[in-house]
Amino acid sequence: IEEASARGCNLVVSHHPMIFRGIKRLTGATVAERCIVAA
């Protein structure tokens, strides 16, 4: 996320999803949550 921002990219295309199942809150408790918040 940080490298994409530094290079001026606003779209990240990944192979593996950040989210596989439902997320009830975004508190930064997991890596996926922190990545979502950063994006």
Full PDB file with SEQRES, HELIX, SHEET, SSBOND, CRYST1, ORIGX, SCALE, CONECT and MASTER records, all heavy atoms in Angstrom:
SEQRES   1 A   39  ILE GLU GLU ALA SER ALA ARG GLY CYS ASN LEU VAL VAL          
SEQRES   2 A   39  SER HIS HIS PRO MET ILE PHE ARG GLY ILE LYS ARG LEU          
SEQRES   3 A   39  THR GLY ALA THR VAL ALA GLU ARG CYS ILE VAL ALA ALA          
HELIX    1 AA1 GLU A    2  ALA A    6  1                                   5    
HELIX    2 AA2 VAL A   31  ALA A   38  1                                   8    
CRYST1    1.000    1.000    1.000  90.00  90.00  90.00 P 1           1          
ORIGX1      1.000000  0.000000  0.000000        0.00000                         
ORIGX2      0.000000  1.000000  0.000000        0.00000                         
ORIGX3      0.000000  0.000000  1.000000        0.00000                         
SCALE1      1.000000  0.000000  0.000000        0.00000                         
SCALE2      0.000000  1.000000  0.000000        0.00000                         
SCALE3      0.000000  0.000000  1.000000        0.00000                         
ATOM      1  N   ILE A   1       0.840  -1.209   0.000  1.00  0.00           N  
ATOM      2  CA  ILE A   1       0.000   0.000   0.000  1.00  0.00           C  
ATOM      3  C   ILE A   1       0.870   1.252   0.000  1.00  0.00           C  
ATOM      4  O   ILE A   1       0.635   2.195  -0.767  1.00  0.00           O  
ATOM      5  CB  ILE A   1      -0.952   0.009   1.210  1.00  0.00           C  
ATOM      6  CG1 ILE A   1      -1.898  -1.206   1.182  1.00  0.00           C  
ATOM      7  CG2 ILE A   1      -1.738   1.309   1.274  1.00  0.00           C  
ATOM      8  CD1 ILE A   1      -2.869  -1.223   0.061  1.00  0.00           C  
ATOM      9  N   GLU A   2       1.903   1.267   0.843  1.00  0.00           N  
ATOM     10  CA  GLU A   2       2.770   2.434   0.937  1.00  0.00           C  
ATOM     11  C   GLU A   2       3.554   2.650  -0.359  1.00  0.00           C  
ATOM     12  O   GLU A   2       3.715   3.786  -0.821  1.00  0.00           O  
ATOM     13  CB  GLU A   2       3.725   2.290   2.119  1.00  0.00           C  
ATOM     14  CG  GLU A   2       3.049   2.318   3.490  1.00  0.00           C  
ATOM     15  CD  GLU A   2       2.256   3.591   3.729  1.00  0.00           C  
ATOM     16  OE1 GLU A   2       2.714   4.677   3.277  1.00  0.00           O  
ATOM     17  OE2 GLU A   2       1.195   3.520   4.369  1.00  0.00           O  
ATOM     18  N   GLU A   3       4.046   1.590  -0.952  1.00  0.00           N  
ATOM     19  CA  GLU A   3       4.783   1.734  -2.213  1.00  0.00           C  
ATOM     20  C   GLU A   3       3.867   2.201  -3.339  1.00  0.00           C  
ATOM     21  O   GLU A   3       4.254   3.048  -4.156  1.00  0.00           O  
ATOM     22  CB  GLU A   3       5.449   0.413  -2.599  1.00  0.00           C  
ATOM     23  CG  GLU A   3       6.297   0.542  -3.867  1.00  0.00           C  
ATOM     24  CD  GLU A   3       7.058  -0.715  -4.220  1.00  0.00           C  
ATOM     25  OE1 GLU A   3       7.108  -1.635  -3.385  1.00  0.00           O  
ATOM     26  OE2 GLU A   3       7.614  -0.774  -5.339  1.00  0.00           O  
ATOM     27  N   ALA A   4       2.648   1.664  -3.383  1.00  0.00           N  
ATOM     28  CA  ALA A   4       1.692   2.094  -4.400  1.00  0.00           C  
ATOM     29  C   ALA A   4       1.391   3.582  -4.272  1.00  0.00           C  
ATOM     30  O   ALA A   4       1.344   4.318  -5.269  1.00  0.00           O  
ATOM     31  CB  ALA A   4       0.408   1.272  -4.296  1.00  0.00           C  
ATOM     32  N   SER A   5       1.224   4.044  -3.031  1.00  0.00           N  
ATOM     33  CA  SER A   5       0.961   5.460  -2.791  1.00  0.00           C  
ATOM     34  C   SER A   5       2.146   6.315  -3.219  1.00  0.00           C  
ATOM     35  O   SER A   5       1.977   7.363  -3.852  1.00  0.00           O  
ATOM     36  CB  SER A   5       0.630   5.687  -1.320  1.00  0.00           C  
ATOM     37  OG  SER A   5       0.417   7.060  -1.042  1.00  0.00           O  
ATOM     38  N   ALA A   6       3.357   5.857  -2.874  1.00  0.00           N  
ATOM     39  CA  ALA A   6       4.561   6.620  -3.222  1.00  0.00           C  
ATOM     40  C   ALA A   6       4.747   6.721  -4.730  1.00  0.00           C  
ATOM     41  O   ALA A   6       5.296   7.708  -5.235  1.00  0.00           O  
ATOM     42  CB  ALA A   6       5.785   5.968  -2.580  1.00  0.00           C  
ATOM     43  N   ARG A   7       4.298   5.719  -5.465  1.00  0.00           N  
ATOM     44  CA  ARG A   7       4.432   5.711  -6.920  1.00  0.00           C  
ATOM     45  C   ARG A   7       3.233   6.326  -7.622  1.00  0.00           C  
ATOM     46  O   ARG A   7       3.150   6.316  -8.854  1.00  0.00           O  
ATOM     47  CB  ARG A   7       4.636   4.280  -7.416  1.00  0.00           C  
ATOM     48  CG  ARG A   7       5.965   3.664  -6.997  1.00  0.00           C  
ATOM     49  CD  ARG A   7       6.088   2.222  -7.466  1.00  0.00           C  
ATOM     50  NE  ARG A   7       7.362   1.622  -7.107  1.00  0.00           N  
ATOM     51  CZ  ARG A   7       8.452   1.670  -7.856  1.00  0.00           C  
ATOM     52  NH1 ARG A   7       8.436   2.302  -9.021  1.00  0.00           N  
ATOM     53  NH2 ARG A   7       9.575   1.100  -7.444  1.00  0.00           N  
ATOM     54  N   GLY A   8       2.268   6.832  -6.860  1.00  0.00           N  
ATOM     55  CA  GLY A   8       1.118   7.485  -7.451  1.00  0.00           C  
ATOM     56  C   GLY A   8       0.079   6.543  -8.013  1.00  0.00           C  
ATOM     57  O   GLY A   8      -0.701   6.917  -8.898  1.00  0.00           O  
ATOM     58  N   CYS A   9       0.034   5.325  -7.508  1.00  0.00           N  
ATOM     59  CA  CYS A   9      -0.943   4.331  -7.973  1.00  0.00           C  
ATOM     60  C   CYS A   9      -2.139   4.303  -7.020  1.00  0.00           C  
ATOM     61  O   CYS A   9      -1.960   4.194  -5.806  1.00  0.00           O  
ATOM     62  CB  CYS A   9      -0.311   2.942  -8.042  1.00  0.00           C  
ATOM     63  SG  CYS A   9       1.145   2.811  -9.106  1.00  0.00           S  
ATOM     64  N   ASN A  10      -3.317   4.364  -7.579  1.00  0.00           N  
ATOM     65  CA  ASN A  10      -4.510   4.280  -6.739  1.00  0.00           C  
ATOM     66  C   ASN A  10      -5.295   2.992  -6.968  1.00  0.00           C  
ATOM     67  O   ASN A  10      -6.440   2.871  -6.540  1.00  0.00           O  
ATOM     68  CB  ASN A  10      -5.406   5.503  -6.933  1.00  0.00           C  
ATOM     69  CG  ASN A  10      -6.011   5.568  -8.311  1.00  0.00           C  
ATOM     70  OD1 ASN A  10      -5.551   4.919  -9.251  1.00  0.00           O  
ATOM     71  ND2 ASN A  10      -7.060   6.395  -8.474  1.00  0.00           N  
ATOM     72  N   LEU A  11      -4.681   2.025  -7.663  1.00  0.00           N  
ATOM     73  CA  LEU A  11      -5.284   0.712  -7.853  1.00  0.00           C  
ATOM     74  C   LEU A  11      -4.221  -0.359  -7.611  1.00  0.00           C  
ATOM     75  O   LEU A  11      -3.153  -0.350  -8.233  1.00  0.00           O  
ATOM     76  CB  LEU A  11      -5.855   0.549  -9.259  1.00  0.00           C  
ATOM     77  CG  LEU A  11      -6.369  -0.853  -9.628  1.00  0.00           C  
ATOM     78  CD1 LEU A  11      -7.509  -1.278  -8.708  1.00  0.00           C  
ATOM     79  CD2 LEU A  11      -6.812  -0.910 -11.094  1.00  0.00           C  
ATOM     80  N   VAL A  12      -4.505  -1.257  -6.674  1.00  0.00           N  
ATOM     81  CA  VAL A  12      -3.654  -2.412  -6.416  1.00  0.00           C  
ATOM     82  C   VAL A  12      -4.387  -3.654  -6.908  1.00  0.00           C  
ATOM     83  O   VAL A  12      -5.530  -3.902  -6.507  1.00  0.00           O  
ATOM     84  CB  VAL A  12      -3.320  -2.557  -4.919  1.00  0.00           C  
ATOM     85  CG1 VAL A  12      -2.588  -3.878  -4.656  1.00  0.00           C  
ATOM     86  CG2 VAL A  12      -2.476  -1.390  -4.443  1.00  0.00           C  
ATOM     87  N   VAL A  13      -3.748  -4.406  -7.800  1.00  0.00           N  
ATOM     88  CA  VAL A  13      -4.306  -5.660  -8.293  1.00  0.00           C  
ATOM     89  C   VAL A  13      -3.485  -6.800  -7.702  1.00  0.00           C  
ATOM     90  O   VAL A  13      -2.307  -6.965  -8.030  1.00  0.00           O  
ATOM     91  CB  VAL A  13      -4.296  -5.722  -9.828  1.00  0.00           C  
ATOM     92  CG1 VAL A  13      -4.833  -7.074 -10.310  1.00  0.00           C  
ATOM     93  CG2 VAL A  13      -5.135  -4.591 -10.420  1.00  0.00           C  
ATOM     94  N   SER A  14      -4.093  -7.561  -6.815  1.00  0.00           N  
ATOM     95  CA  SER A  14      -3.415  -8.666  -6.142  1.00  0.00           C  
ATOM     96  C   SER A  14      -3.995  -9.991  -6.611  1.00  0.00           C  
ATOM     97  O   SER A  14      -5.097 -10.058  -7.145  1.00  0.00           O  
ATOM     98  CB  SER A  14      -3.557  -8.545  -4.624  1.00  0.00           C  
ATOM     99  OG  SER A  14      -4.903  -8.766  -4.231  1.00  0.00           O  
ATOM    100  N   HIS A  15      -3.222 -11.048  -6.381  1.00  0.00           N  
ATOM    101  CA  HIS A  15      -3.752 -12.382  -6.666  1.00  0.00           C  
ATOM    102  C   HIS A  15      -4.641 -12.837  -5.516  1.00  0.00           C  
ATOM    103  O   HIS A  15      -5.783 -13.204  -5.717  1.00  0.00           O  
ATOM    104  CB  HIS A  15      -2.616 -13.379  -6.883  1.00  0.00           C  
ATOM    105  CG  HIS A  15      -3.092 -14.731  -7.334  1.00  0.00           C  
ATOM    106  ND1 HIS A  15      -3.759 -14.940  -8.518  1.00  0.00           N  
ATOM    107  CD2 HIS A  15      -3.023 -15.949  -6.739  1.00  0.00           C  
ATOM    108  CE1 HIS A  15      -4.074 -16.224  -8.647  1.00  0.00           C  
ATOM    109  NE2 HIS A  15      -3.635 -16.853  -7.565  1.00  0.00           N  
ATOM    110  N   HIS A  16      -4.110 -12.797  -4.291  1.00  0.00           N  
ATOM    111  CA  HIS A  16      -4.869 -13.247  -3.134  1.00  0.00           C  
ATOM    112  C   HIS A  16      -5.697 -12.099  -2.549  1.00  0.00           C  
ATOM    113  O   HIS A  16      -5.198 -11.001  -2.386  1.00  0.00           O  
ATOM    114  CB  HIS A  16      -3.936 -13.788  -2.053  1.00  0.00           C  
ATOM    115  CG  HIS A  16      -3.177 -15.007  -2.472  1.00  0.00           C  
ATOM    116  ND1 HIS A  16      -1.819 -15.153  -2.279  1.00  0.00           N  
ATOM    117  CD2 HIS A  16      -3.579 -16.136  -3.100  1.00  0.00           C  
ATOM    118  CE1 HIS A  16      -1.431 -16.316  -2.756  1.00  0.00           C  
ATOM    119  NE2 HIS A  16      -2.470 -16.931  -3.268  1.00  0.00           N  
ATOM    120  N   PRO A  17      -6.953 -12.357  -2.216  1.00  0.00           N  
ATOM    121  CA  PRO A  17      -7.795 -11.323  -1.611  1.00  0.00           C  
ATOM    122  C   PRO A  17      -7.329 -10.948  -0.201  1.00  0.00           C  
ATOM    123  O   PRO A  17      -6.749 -11.774   0.513  1.00  0.00           O  
ATOM    124  CB  PRO A  17      -9.187 -11.967  -1.568  1.00  0.00           C  
ATOM    125  CG  PRO A  17      -9.124 -13.123  -2.511  1.00  0.00           C  
ATOM    126  CD  PRO A  17      -7.706 -13.600  -2.487  1.00  0.00           C  
ATOM    127  N   MET A  18      -7.606  -9.698   0.187  1.00  0.00           N  
ATOM    128  CA  MET A  18      -7.385  -9.300   1.575  1.00  0.00           C  
ATOM    129  C   MET A  18      -8.452  -9.895   2.476  1.00  0.00           C  
ATOM    130  O   MET A  18      -8.206 -10.205   3.638  1.00  0.00           O  
ATOM    131  CB  MET A  18      -7.448  -7.775   1.698  1.00  0.00           C  
ATOM    132  CG  MET A  18      -6.354  -7.001   1.058  1.00  0.00           C  
ATOM    133  SD  MET A  18      -6.420  -5.242   1.526  1.00  0.00           S  
ATOM    134  CE  MET A  18      -8.052  -4.761   0.862  1.00  0.00           C  
ATOM    135  N   ILE A  19      -9.655 -10.042   1.951  1.00  0.00           N  
ATOM    136  CA  ILE A  19     -10.816 -10.429   2.741  1.00  0.00           C  
ATOM    137  C   ILE A  19     -11.351 -11.758   2.228  1.00  0.00           C  
ATOM    138  O   ILE A  19     -11.674 -11.888   1.047  1.00  0.00           O  
ATOM    139  CB  ILE A  19     -11.921  -9.363   2.664  1.00  0.00           C  
ATOM    140  CG1 ILE A  19     -11.353  -7.973   3.005  1.00  0.00           C  
ATOM    141  CG2 ILE A  19     -13.075  -9.716   3.574  1.00  0.00           C  
ATOM    142  CD1 ILE A  19     -12.303  -6.840   2.675  1.00  0.00           C  
ATOM    143  N   PHE A  20     -11.422 -12.757   3.103  1.00  0.00           N  
ATOM    144  CA  PHE A  20     -12.004 -14.042   2.747  1.00  0.00           C  
ATOM    145  C   PHE A  20     -13.357 -14.261   3.407  1.00  0.00           C  
ATOM    146  O   PHE A  20     -14.167 -15.017   2.929  1.00  0.00           O  
ATOM    147  CB  PHE A  20     -11.055 -15.184   3.133  1.00  0.00           C  
ATOM    148  CG  PHE A  20     -10.019 -15.474   2.085  1.00  0.00           C  
ATOM    149  CD1 PHE A  20      -8.714 -15.050   2.262  1.00  0.00           C  
ATOM    150  CD2 PHE A  20     -10.336 -16.163   0.932  1.00  0.00           C  
ATOM    151  CE1 PHE A  20      -7.751 -15.317   1.307  1.00  0.00           C  
ATOM    152  CE2 PHE A  20      -9.375 -16.439  -0.025  1.00  0.00           C  
ATOM    153  CZ  PHE A  20      -8.074 -16.020   0.154  1.00  0.00           C  
ATOM    154  N   ARG A  21     -13.583 -13.616   4.523  1.00  0.00           N  
ATOM    155  CA  ARG A  21     -14.845 -13.774   5.233  1.00  0.00           C  
ATOM    156  C   ARG A  21     -15.267 -12.426   5.818  1.00  0.00           C  
ATOM    157  O   ARG A  21     -14.506 -11.452   5.771  1.00  0.00           O  
ATOM    158  CB  ARG A  21     -14.718 -14.847   6.323  1.00  0.00           C  
ATOM    159  CG  ARG A  21     -13.603 -14.567   7.314  1.00  0.00           C  
ATOM    160  CD  ARG A  21     -13.459 -15.729   8.294  1.00  0.00           C  
ATOM    161  NE  ARG A  21     -13.088 -16.963   7.603  1.00  0.00           N  
ATOM    162  CZ  ARG A  21     -11.841 -17.317   7.349  1.00  0.00           C  
ATOM    163  NH1 ARG A  21     -10.832 -16.514   7.713  1.00  0.00           N  
ATOM    164  NH2 ARG A  21     -11.572 -18.437   6.724  1.00  0.00           N  
ATOM    165  N   GLY A  22     -16.499 -12.383   6.348  1.00  0.00           N  
ATOM    166  CA  GLY A  22     -17.057 -11.137   6.821  1.00  0.00           C  
ATOM    167  C   GLY A  22     -16.232 -10.473   7.916  1.00  0.00           C  
ATOM    168  O   GLY A  22     -15.685 -11.132   8.790  1.00  0.00           O  
ATOM    169  N   ILE A  23     -16.110  -9.141   7.848  1.00  0.00           N  
ATOM    170  CA  ILE A  23     -15.421  -8.355   8.873  1.00  0.00           C  
ATOM    171  C   ILE A  23     -16.452  -7.467   9.563  1.00  0.00           C  
ATOM    172  O   ILE A  23     -17.136  -6.666   8.920  1.00  0.00           O  
ATOM    173  CB  ILE A  23     -14.303  -7.499   8.248  1.00  0.00           C  
ATOM    174  CG1 ILE A  23     -13.219  -8.398   7.652  1.00  0.00           C  
ATOM    175  CG2 ILE A  23     -13.689  -6.573   9.293  1.00  0.00           C  
ATOM    176  CD1 ILE A  23     -12.107  -7.640   6.963  1.00  0.00           C  
ATOM    177  N   LYS A  24     -16.579  -7.604  10.894  1.00  0.00           N  
ATOM    178  CA  LYS A  24     -17.590  -6.876  11.639  1.00  0.00           C  
ATOM    179  C   LYS A  24     -17.109  -5.501  12.091  1.00  0.00           C  
ATOM    180  O   LYS A  24     -17.906  -4.621  12.380  1.00  0.00           O  
ATOM    181  CB  LYS A  24     -18.041  -7.697  12.848  1.00  0.00           C  
ATOM    182  CG  LYS A  24     -18.758  -9.004  12.477  1.00  0.00           C  
ATOM    183  CD  LYS A  24     -19.234  -9.733  13.717  1.00  0.00           C  
ATOM    184  CE  LYS A  24     -19.997 -10.999  13.347  1.00  0.00           C  
ATOM    185  NZ  LYS A  24     -20.485 -11.736  14.552  1.00  0.00           N  
ATOM    186  N   ARG A  25     -15.804  -5.316  12.167  1.00  0.00           N  
ATOM    187  CA  ARG A  25     -15.277  -4.034  12.610  1.00  0.00           C  
ATOM    188  C   ARG A  25     -13.887  -3.828  12.025  1.00  0.00           C  
ATOM    189  O   ARG A  25     -13.201  -4.789  11.659  1.00  0.00           O  
ATOM    190  CB  ARG A  25     -15.244  -3.963  14.137  1.00  0.00           C  
ATOM    191  CG  ARG A  25     -14.422  -5.063  14.788  1.00  0.00           C  
ATOM    192  CD  ARG A  25     -14.526  -5.032  16.300  1.00  0.00           C  
ATOM    193  NE  ARG A  25     -15.886  -5.288  16.750  1.00  0.00           N  
ATOM    194  CZ  ARG A  25     -16.392  -6.518  16.928  1.00  0.00           C  
ATOM    195  NH1 ARG A  25     -15.675  -7.602  16.661  1.00  0.00           N  
ATOM    196  NH2 ARG A  25     -17.632  -6.671  17.335  1.00  0.00           N  
ATOM    197  N   LEU A  26     -13.482  -2.545  11.935  1.00  0.00           N  
ATOM    198  CA  LEU A  26     -12.160  -2.185  11.445  1.00  0.00           C  
ATOM    199  C   LEU A  26     -11.393  -1.481  12.557  1.00  0.00           C  
ATOM    200  O   LEU A  26     -11.446  -0.263  12.693  1.00  0.00           O  
ATOM    201  CB  LEU A  26     -12.263  -1.290  10.213  1.00  0.00           C  
ATOM    202  CG  LEU A  26     -12.786  -1.942   8.932  1.00  0.00           C  
ATOM    203  CD1 LEU A  26     -12.986  -0.901   7.851  1.00  0.00           C  
ATOM    204  CD2 LEU A  26     -11.807  -3.021   8.451  1.00  0.00           C  
ATOM    205  N   THR A  27     -10.693  -2.267  13.365  1.00  0.00           N  
ATOM    206  CA  THR A  27      -9.961  -1.721  14.494  1.00  0.00           C  
ATOM    207  C   THR A  27      -8.455  -1.837  14.331  1.00  0.00           C  
ATOM    208  O   THR A  27      -7.704  -1.424  15.211  1.00  0.00           O  
ATOM    209  CB  THR A  27     -10.382  -2.433  15.785  1.00  0.00           C  
ATOM    210  OG1 THR A  27     -10.052  -3.838  15.686  1.00  0.00           O  
ATOM    211  CG2 THR A  27     -11.883  -2.280  16.026  1.00  0.00           C  
ATOM    212  N   GLY A  28      -8.021  -2.454  13.231  1.00  0.00           N  
ATOM    213  CA  GLY A  28      -6.598  -2.679  13.032  1.00  0.00           C  
ATOM    214  C   GLY A  28      -6.050  -3.855  13.800  1.00  0.00           C  
ATOM    215  O   GLY A  28      -4.836  -4.000  13.957  1.00  0.00           O  
ATOM    216  N   ALA A  29      -6.942  -4.728  14.276  1.00  0.00           N  
ATOM    217  CA  ALA A  29      -6.516  -5.869  15.084  1.00  0.00           C  
ATOM    218  C   ALA A  29      -5.829  -6.945  14.254  1.00  0.00           C  
ATOM    219  O   ALA A  29      -5.047  -7.725  14.778  1.00  0.00           O  
ATOM    220  CB  ALA A  29      -7.713  -6.464  15.824  1.00  0.00           C  
ATOM    221  N   THR A  30      -6.137  -7.011  12.955  1.00  0.00           N  
ATOM    222  CA  THR A  30      -5.534  -8.009  12.080  1.00  0.00           C  
ATOM    223  C   THR A  30      -4.803  -7.318  10.935  1.00  0.00           C  
ATOM    224  O   THR A  30      -5.009  -6.132  10.663  1.00  0.00           O  
ATOM    225  CB  THR A  30      -6.596  -8.956  11.496  1.00  0.00           C  
ATOM    226  OG1 THR A  30      -7.465  -8.225  10.624  1.00  0.00           O  
ATOM    227  CG2 THR A  30      -7.418  -9.597  12.609  1.00  0.00           C  
ATOM    228  N   VAL A  31      -3.953  -8.073  10.255  1.00  0.00           N  
ATOM    229  CA  VAL A  31      -3.230  -7.527   9.114  1.00  0.00           C  
ATOM    230  C   VAL A  31      -4.205  -7.068   8.032  1.00  0.00           C  
ATOM    231  O   VAL A  31      -4.036  -6.000   7.433  1.00  0.00           O  
ATOM    232  CB  VAL A  31      -2.255  -8.575   8.544  1.00  0.00           C  
ATOM    233  CG1 VAL A  31      -1.618  -8.072   7.260  1.00  0.00           C  
ATOM    234  CG2 VAL A  31      -1.176  -8.916   9.563  1.00  0.00           C  
ATOM    235  N   ALA A  32      -5.236  -7.883   7.770  1.00  0.00           N  
ATOM    236  CA  ALA A  32      -6.230  -7.532   6.755  1.00  0.00           C  
ATOM    237  C   ALA A  32      -6.918  -6.217   7.092  1.00  0.00           C  
ATOM    238  O   ALA A  32      -7.098  -5.346   6.222  1.00  0.00           O  
ATOM    239  CB  ALA A  32      -7.257  -8.650   6.608  1.00  0.00           C  
ATOM    240  N   GLU A  33      -7.293  -6.036   8.371  1.00  0.00           N  
ATOM    241  CA  GLU A  33      -7.951  -4.799   8.785  1.00  0.00           C  
ATOM    242  C   GLU A  33      -7.030  -3.600   8.587  1.00  0.00           C  
ATOM    243  O   GLU A  33      -7.447  -2.546   8.109  1.00  0.00           O  
ATOM    244  CB  GLU A  33      -8.401  -4.899  10.241  1.00  0.00           C  
ATOM    245  CG  GLU A  33      -9.552  -5.877  10.474  1.00  0.00           C  
ATOM    246  CD  GLU A  33      -9.914  -5.980  11.938  1.00  0.00           C  
ATOM    247  OE1 GLU A  33      -9.602  -5.032  12.703  1.00  0.00           O  
ATOM    248  OE2 GLU A  33     -10.497  -6.999  12.355  1.00  0.00           O  
ATOM    249  N   ARG A  34      -5.756  -3.755   8.948  1.00  0.00           N  
ATOM    250  CA  ARG A  34      -4.804  -2.641   8.808  1.00  0.00           C  
ATOM    251  C   ARG A  34      -4.582  -2.292   7.339  1.00  0.00           C  
ATOM    252  O   ARG A  34      -4.462  -1.119   6.983  1.00  0.00           O  
ATOM    253  CB  ARG A  34      -3.480  -3.012   9.493  1.00  0.00           C  
ATOM    254  CG  ARG A  34      -3.589  -3.098  11.013  1.00  0.00           C  
ATOM    255  CD  ARG A  34      -2.225  -3.138  11.676  1.00  0.00           C  
ATOM    256  NE  ARG A  34      -1.527  -4.391  11.463  1.00  0.00           N  
ATOM    257  CZ  ARG A  34      -1.679  -5.480  12.215  1.00  0.00           C  
ATOM    258  NH1 ARG A  34      -2.500  -5.454  13.268  1.00  0.00           N  
ATOM    259  NH2 ARG A  34      -0.993  -6.575  11.963  1.00  0.00           N  
ATOM    260  N   CYS A  35      -4.562  -3.298   6.474  1.00  0.00           N  
ATOM    261  CA  CYS A  35      -4.395  -3.040   5.044  1.00  0.00           C  
ATOM    262  C   CYS A  35      -5.612  -2.325   4.462  1.00  0.00           C  
ATOM    263  O   CYS A  35      -5.479  -1.424   3.627  1.00  0.00           O  
ATOM    264  CB  CYS A  35      -4.144  -4.358   4.301  1.00  0.00           C  
ATOM    265  SG  CYS A  35      -2.510  -5.074   4.591  1.00  0.00           S  
ATOM    266  N   ILE A  36      -6.801  -2.721   4.890  1.00  0.00           N  
ATOM    267  CA  ILE A  36      -8.019  -2.076   4.412  1.00  0.00           C  
ATOM    268  C   ILE A  36      -8.049  -0.607   4.821  1.00  0.00           C  
ATOM    269  O   ILE A  36      -8.334   0.283   4.014  1.00  0.00           O  
ATOM    270  CB  ILE A  36      -9.268  -2.818   4.940  1.00  0.00           C  
ATOM    271  CG1 ILE A  36      -9.341  -4.233   4.368  1.00  0.00           C  
ATOM    272  CG2 ILE A  36     -10.541  -2.048   4.592  1.00  0.00           C  
ATOM    273  CD1 ILE A  36     -10.379  -5.107   5.036  1.00  0.00           C  
ATOM    274  N   VAL A  37      -7.734  -0.367   6.096  1.00  0.00           N  
ATOM    275  CA  VAL A  37      -7.724   1.012   6.595  1.00  0.00           C  
ATOM    276  C   VAL A  37      -6.699   1.847   5.825  1.00  0.00           C  
ATOM    277  O   VAL A  37      -6.963   2.986   5.431  1.00  0.00           O  
ATOM    278  CB  VAL A  37      -7.435   1.032   8.107  1.00  0.00           C  
ATOM    279  CG1 VAL A  37      -7.209   2.467   8.590  1.00  0.00           C  
ATOM    280  CG2 VAL A  37      -8.583   0.392   8.888  1.00  0.00           C  
ATOM    281  N   ALA A  38      -5.509   1.286   5.587  1.00  0.00           N  
ATOM    282  CA  ALA A  38      -4.465   2.011   4.864  1.00  0.00           C  
ATOM    283  C   ALA A  38      -4.890   2.313   3.433  1.00  0.00           C  
ATOM    284  O   ALA A  38      -4.660   3.421   2.924  1.00  0.00           O  
ATOM    285  CB  ALA A  38      -3.172   1.201   4.870  1.00  0.00           C  
ATOM    286  N   ALA A  39      -5.523   1.327   2.769  1.00  0.00           N  
ATOM    287  CA  ALA A  39      -5.968   1.535   1.395  1.00  0.00           C  
ATOM    288  C   ALA A  39      -7.017   2.634   1.319  1.00  0.00           C  
ATOM    289  O   ALA A  39      -6.966   3.510   0.445  1.00  0.00           O  
ATOM    290  CB  ALA A  39      -6.508   0.220   0.825  1.00  0.00           C  
TER     291      ALA A  39                                                      
MASTER        0    0    0    2    0    0    0    6  290    1    0    3          
END                                                                             
